[in-house]
C-alpha atoms as a PDB file:
ATOM      1  CA  UNK A   1       0.000   0.000   0.000  1.00  0.00           C
ATOM      2  CA  UNK A   2       1.453   3.369  -1.018  1.00  0.00           C
ATOM      3  CA  UNK A   3       1.868   6.375   1.261  1.00  0.00           C
ATOM      4  CA  UNK A   4      -1.070   8.222  -0.324  1.00  0.00           C
ATOM      5  CA  UNK A   5      -3.329   5.198   0.127  1.00  0.00           C
ATOM      6  CA  UNK A   6      -2.303   4.867   3.784  1.00  0.00           C
ATOM      7  CA  UNK A   7      -2.933   8.558   4.377  1.00  0.00           C
ATOM      8  CA  UNK A   8      -6.375   8.376   2.733  1.00  0.00           C
ATOM      9  CA  UNK A   9      -7.245   5.259   4.714  1.00  0.00           C
ATOM     10  CA  UNK A  10      -6.127   6.957   7.943  1.00  0.00           C
ATOM     11  CA  UNK A  11      -8.168  10.059   7.137  1.00  0.00           C
ATOM     12  CA  UNK A  12     -11.234   7.954   6.429  1.00  0.00           C
ATOM     13  CA  UNK A  13     -10.810   6.134   9.743  1.00  0.00           C
ATOM     14  CA  UNK A  14     -10.332   9.338  11.742  1.00  0.00           C
ATOM     15  CA  UNK A  15     -13.312  10.908   9.969  1.00  0.00           C
ATOM     16  CA  UNK A  16     -15.477   7.913  10.829  1.00  0.00           C
ATOM     17  CA  UNK A  17     -14.453   8.259  14.492  1.00  0.00           C
ATOM     18  CA  UNK A  18     -15.326  11.939  14.430  1.00  0.00           C
ATOM     19  CA  UNK A  19     -18.724  11.212  12.951  1.00  0.00           C
ATOM     20  CA  UNK A  20     -19.296   8.535  15.562  1.00  0.00           C
ATOM     21  CA  UNK A  21     -18.499  11.038  18.306  1.00  0.00           C
ATOM     22  CA  UNK A  22     -15.505   9.048  19.578  1.00  0.00           C
ATOM     23  CA  UNK A  23     -13.206  11.017  21.831  1.00  0.00           C
ATOM     24  CA  UNK A  24     -10.285  10.019  23.961  1.00  0.00           C
ATOM     25  CA  UNK A  25     -11.142   9.159  27.556  1.00  0.00           C
ATOM     26  CA  UNK A  26     -10.047  12.168  29.593  1.00  0.00           C
ATOM     27  CA  UNK A  27     -12.324  11.428  32.531  1.00  0.00           C
ATOM     28  CA  UNK A  28     -10.845  12.453  35.845  1.00  0.00           C
ATOM     29  CA  UNK A  29      -8.168  14.628  34.238  1.00  0.00           C
ATOM     30  CA  UNK A  30      -7.802  18.402  34.342  1.00  0.00           C
ATOM     31  CA  UNK A  31      -8.212  19.905  30.864  1.00  0.00           C
ATOM     32  CA  UNK A  32      -6.556  23.030  29.504  1.00  0.00           C
ATOM     33  CA  UNK A  33      -7.147  24.977  26.301  1.00  0.00           C
ATOM     34  CA  UNK A  34      -4.317  25.966  23.970  1.00  0.00           C
ATOM     35  CA  UNK A  35      -4.749  29.606  25.089  1.00  0.00           C
ATOM     36  CA  UNK A  36      -4.359  28.603  28.754  1.00  0.00           C
ATOM     37  CA  UNK A  37      -1.247  26.564  27.997  1.00  0.00           C
ATOM     38  CA  UNK A  38       0.268  29.452  26.015  1.00  0.00           C
ATOM     39  CA  UNK A  39      -0.396  31.792  28.951  1.00  0.00           C
ATOM     40  CA  UNK A  40       1.212  29.341  31.394  1.00  0.00           C
ATOM     41  CA  UNK A  41       4.232  29.095  29.097  1.00  0.00           C
ATOM     42  CA  UNK A  42       4.512  32.875  29.054  1.00  0.00           C
ATOM     43  CA  UNK A  43       4.573  32.746  32.861  1.00  0.00           C
ATOM     44  CA  UNK A  44       7.387  30.203  32.709  1.00  0.00           C
ATOM     45  CA  UNK A  45       6.169  27.719  35.304  1.00  0.00           C
ATOM     46  CA  UNK A  46       4.961  24.792  33.192  1.00  0.00           C
ATOM     47  CA  UNK A  47       6.467  21.852  31.363  1.00  0.00           C
ATOM     48  CA  UNK A  48       4.588  20.989  28.185  1.00  0.00           C
ATOM     49  CA  UNK A  49       4.979  17.353  27.102  1.00  0.00           C
ATOM     50  CA  UNK A  50       4.417  16.174  23.550  1.00  0.00           C
ATOM     51  CA  UNK A  51       3.055  12.604  23.518  1.00  0.00           C
ATOM     52  CA  UNK A  52       2.909  12.343  19.713  1.00  0.00           C
ATOM     53  CA  UNK A  53       4.905  10.021  17.514  1.00  0.00           C
ATOM     54  CA  UNK A  54       7.527  11.395  15.138  1.00  0.00           C
ATOM     55  CA  UNK A  55       5.206  11.217  12.106  1.00  0.00           C
ATOM     56  CA  UNK A  56       2.694  13.527  13.798  1.00  0.00           C
ATOM     57  CA  UNK A  57       5.490  15.806  14.990  1.00  0.00           C
ATOM     58  CA  UNK A  58       6.846  16.028  11.464  1.00  0.00           C
ATOM     59  CA  UNK A  59       3.406  16.793  10.017  1.00  0.00           C
ATOM     60  CA  UNK A  60       2.193  19.357  12.581  1.00  0.00           C
ATOM     61  CA  UNK A  61       5.309  20.465  14.447  1.00  0.00           C
ATOM     62  CA  UNK A  62       5.498  20.726  18.227  1.00  0.00           C
ATOM     63  CA  UNK A  63       4.575  23.320  20.809  1.00  0.00           C
ATOM     64  CA  UNK A  64       7.701  25.487  21.198  1.00  0.00           C
ATOM     65  CA  UNK A  65       9.821  24.290  24.088  1.00  0.00           C
ATOM     66  CA  UNK A  66       7.830  21.083  24.589  1.00  0.00           C
ATOM     67  CA  UNK A  67       9.515  18.017  26.011  1.00  0.00           C
ATOM     68  CA  UNK A  68       9.138  15.314  23.390  1.00  0.00           C
ATOM     69  CA  UNK A  69       8.368  12.105  25.228  1.00  0.00           C
ATOM     70  CA  UNK A  70      10.143   9.026  23.908  1.00  0.00           C
ATOM     71  CA  UNK A  71       6.863   7.074  24.006  1.00  0.00           C
ATOM     72  CA  UNK A  72       3.541   8.145  25.501  1.00  0.00           C
ATOM     73  CA  UNK A  73       3.104   4.902  27.449  1.00  0.00           C
ATOM     74  CA  UNK A  74       6.675   3.796  28.128  1.00  0.00           C
ATOM     75  CA  UNK A  75       8.512   7.078  28.720  1.00  0.00           C
ATOM     76  CA  UNK A  76      10.957   7.243  31.621  1.00  0.00           C
ATOM     77  CA  UNK A  77       9.357   9.464  34.279  1.00  0.00           C
ATOM     78  CA  UNK A  78      12.620  10.095  36.128  1.00  0.00           C
ATOM     79  CA  UNK A  79      14.540  11.014  32.972  1.00  0.00           C
ATOM     80  CA  UNK A  80      11.894  12.825  30.919  1.00  0.00           C
ATOM     81  CA  UNK A  81       9.890  14.796  33.507  1.00  0.00           C
ATOM     82  CA  UNK A  82      11.047  17.465  35.975  1.00  0.00           C
ATOM     83  CA  UNK A  83      12.120  16.170  39.378  1.00  0.00           C
ATOM     84  CA  UNK A  84       9.730  18.425  41.336  1.00  0.00           C
ATOM     85  CA  UNK A  85       6.473  16.512  41.746  1.00  0.00           C
ATOM     86  CA  UNK A  86       4.544  19.767  42.296  1.00  0.00           C
ATOM     87  CA  UNK A  87       5.629  21.243  38.966  1.00  0.00           C
ATOM     88  CA  UNK A  88       2.771  21.883  36.505  1.00  0.00           C
ATOM     89  CA  UNK A  89       2.767  19.429  33.587  1.00  0.00           C
ATOM     90  CA  UNK A  90       0.640  19.660  30.455  1.00  0.00           C
ATOM     91  CA  UNK A  91       0.421  16.712  28.075  1.00  0.00           C
ATOM     92  CA  UNK A  92      -0.875  16.855  24.515  1.00  0.00           C
ATOM     93  CA  UNK A  93      -1.102  14.589  21.504  1.00  0.00           C
ATOM     94  CA  UNK A  94      -2.787  14.914  18.100  1.00  0.00           C
ATOM     95  CA  UNK A  95      -6.376  15.906  18.914  1.00  0.00           C
ATOM     96  CA  UNK A  96      -9.451  15.057  20.971  1.00  0.00           C
ATOM     97  CA  UNK A  97      -9.558  11.674  19.241  1.00  0.00           C
ATOM     98  CA  UNK A  98      -6.113  10.637  20.483  1.00  0.00           C
ATOM     99  CA  UNK A  99      -5.652   9.085  23.906  1.00  0.00           C
ATOM    100  CA  UNK A 100      -1.851   9.301  24.110  1.00  0.00           C
ATOM    101  CA  UNK A 101      -1.830  12.533  26.160  1.00  0.00           C
ATOM    102  CA  UNK A 102      -4.336  11.142  28.652  1.00  0.00           C
ATOM    103  CA  UNK A 103      -2.318   7.934  29.036  1.00  0.00           C
ATOM    104  CA  UNK A 104       0.925   9.882  29.516  1.00  0.00           C
ATOM    105  CA  UNK A 105      -0.756  12.187  32.050  1.00  0.00           C
ATOM    106  CA  UNK A 106      -2.114   9.259  34.040  1.00  0.00           C
ATOM    107  CA  UNK A 107       1.396   7.779  34.164  1.00  0.00           C
ATOM    108  CA  UNK A 108       2.706  11.075  35.618  1.00  0.00           C
ATOM    109  CA  UNK A 109      -0.104  11.121  38.193  1.00  0.00           C
ATOM    110  CA  UNK A 110       0.688   7.530  39.168  1.00  0.00           C
ATOM    111  CA  UNK A 111       4.326   8.614  39.658  1.00  0.00           C
ATOM    112  CA  UNK A 112       3.220  11.250  42.166  1.00  0.00           C
ATOM    113  CA  UNK A 113       2.863  14.430  40.110  1.00  0.00           C
ATOM    114  CA  UNK A 114      -0.043  16.488  41.396  1.00  0.00           C
ATOM    115  CA  UNK A 115      -0.464  19.411  38.963  1.00  0.00           C
ATOM    116  CA  UNK A 116      -1.139  17.475  35.752  1.00  0.00           C
ATOM    117  CA  UNK A 117      -3.194  18.740  32.822  1.00  0.00           C
ATOM    118  CA  UNK A 118      -4.173  17.536  29.359  1.00  0.00           C
ATOM    119  CA  UNK A 119      -4.552  19.875  26.409  1.00  0.00           C
ATOM    120  CA  UNK A 120      -7.121  17.606  24.796  1.00  0.00           C
ATOM    121  CA  UNK A 121      -7.405  19.688  21.613  1.00  0.00           C
ATOM    122  CA  UNK A 122      -3.840  18.549  20.930  1.00  0.00           C
ATOM    123  CA  UNK A 123      -1.427  19.978  18.436  1.00  0.00           C
ATOM    124  CA  UNK A 124      -4.282  20.403  15.944  1.00  0.00           C
ATOM    125  CA  UNK A 125      -6.094  22.681  18.393  1.00  0.00           C
ATOM    126  CA  UNK A 126      -2.863  24.569  19.071  1.00  0.00           C
ATOM    127  CA  UNK A 127      -2.364  25.164  15.342  1.00  0.00           C
ATOM    128  CA  UNK A 128      -6.057  26.058  14.851  1.00  0.00           C
ATOM    129  CA  UNK A 129      -5.690  28.674  17.600  1.00  0.00           C
ATOM    130  CA  UNK A 130      -2.954  30.320  15.513  1.00  0.00           C
ATOM    131  CA  UNK A 131      -0.218  29.570  18.040  1.00  0.00           C
ATOM    132  CA  UNK A 132       3.379  29.019  16.869  1.00  0.00           C
ATOM    133  CA  UNK A 133       4.963  25.621  16.366  1.00  0.00           C
ATOM    134  CA  UNK A 134       8.521  24.347  16.039  1.00  0.00           C
ATOM    135  CA  UNK A 135       9.181  22.310  12.909  1.00  0.00           C
ATOM    136  CA  UNK A 136      10.525  18.771  13.338  1.00  0.00           C
ATOM    137  CA  UNK A 137      12.534  16.915  10.711  1.00  0.00           C
ATOM    138  CA  UNK A 138      11.269  13.422   9.916  1.00  0.00           C
ATOM    139  CA  UNK A 139      14.502  11.693  10.913  1.00  0.00           C
ATOM    140  CA  UNK A 140      14.872  13.618  14.181  1.00  0.00           C
ATOM    141  CA  UNK A 141      14.669  11.438  17.264  1.00  0.00           C
ATOM    142  CA  UNK A 142      12.511  12.519  20.204  1.00  0.00           C
ATOM    143  CA  UNK A 143      14.351  14.373  22.957  1.00  0.00           C
END
């Protein structure tokens, strides 16, 4: 299957989920809008964590200054997150349909972080809000 066919198939699948009203399970999590996250960044007391894969990062870019998790489910909490458990963390992924940010946030909560948020609109919501992104090259490894 060629790249164009895979992309079209993926778009059809995502569209069918949207029509079905499927959203990621963010129950029990604190939600933040892109505007709120941008304001927190301007204040300097937040770590924004990108839970996307490299293909999504290459396509949409990343929130400037975001920590790019190695893997949304298997990232190393002690290596990839700040040491202060009271530090504000915001996780995001692709969009409301993606559950990677919620999974990554729950892992941080389980590790003892208390000020954990999910920007459930994801990088698509960030871009739609007209906020800046950092470009990512396709061969670049997550940091």
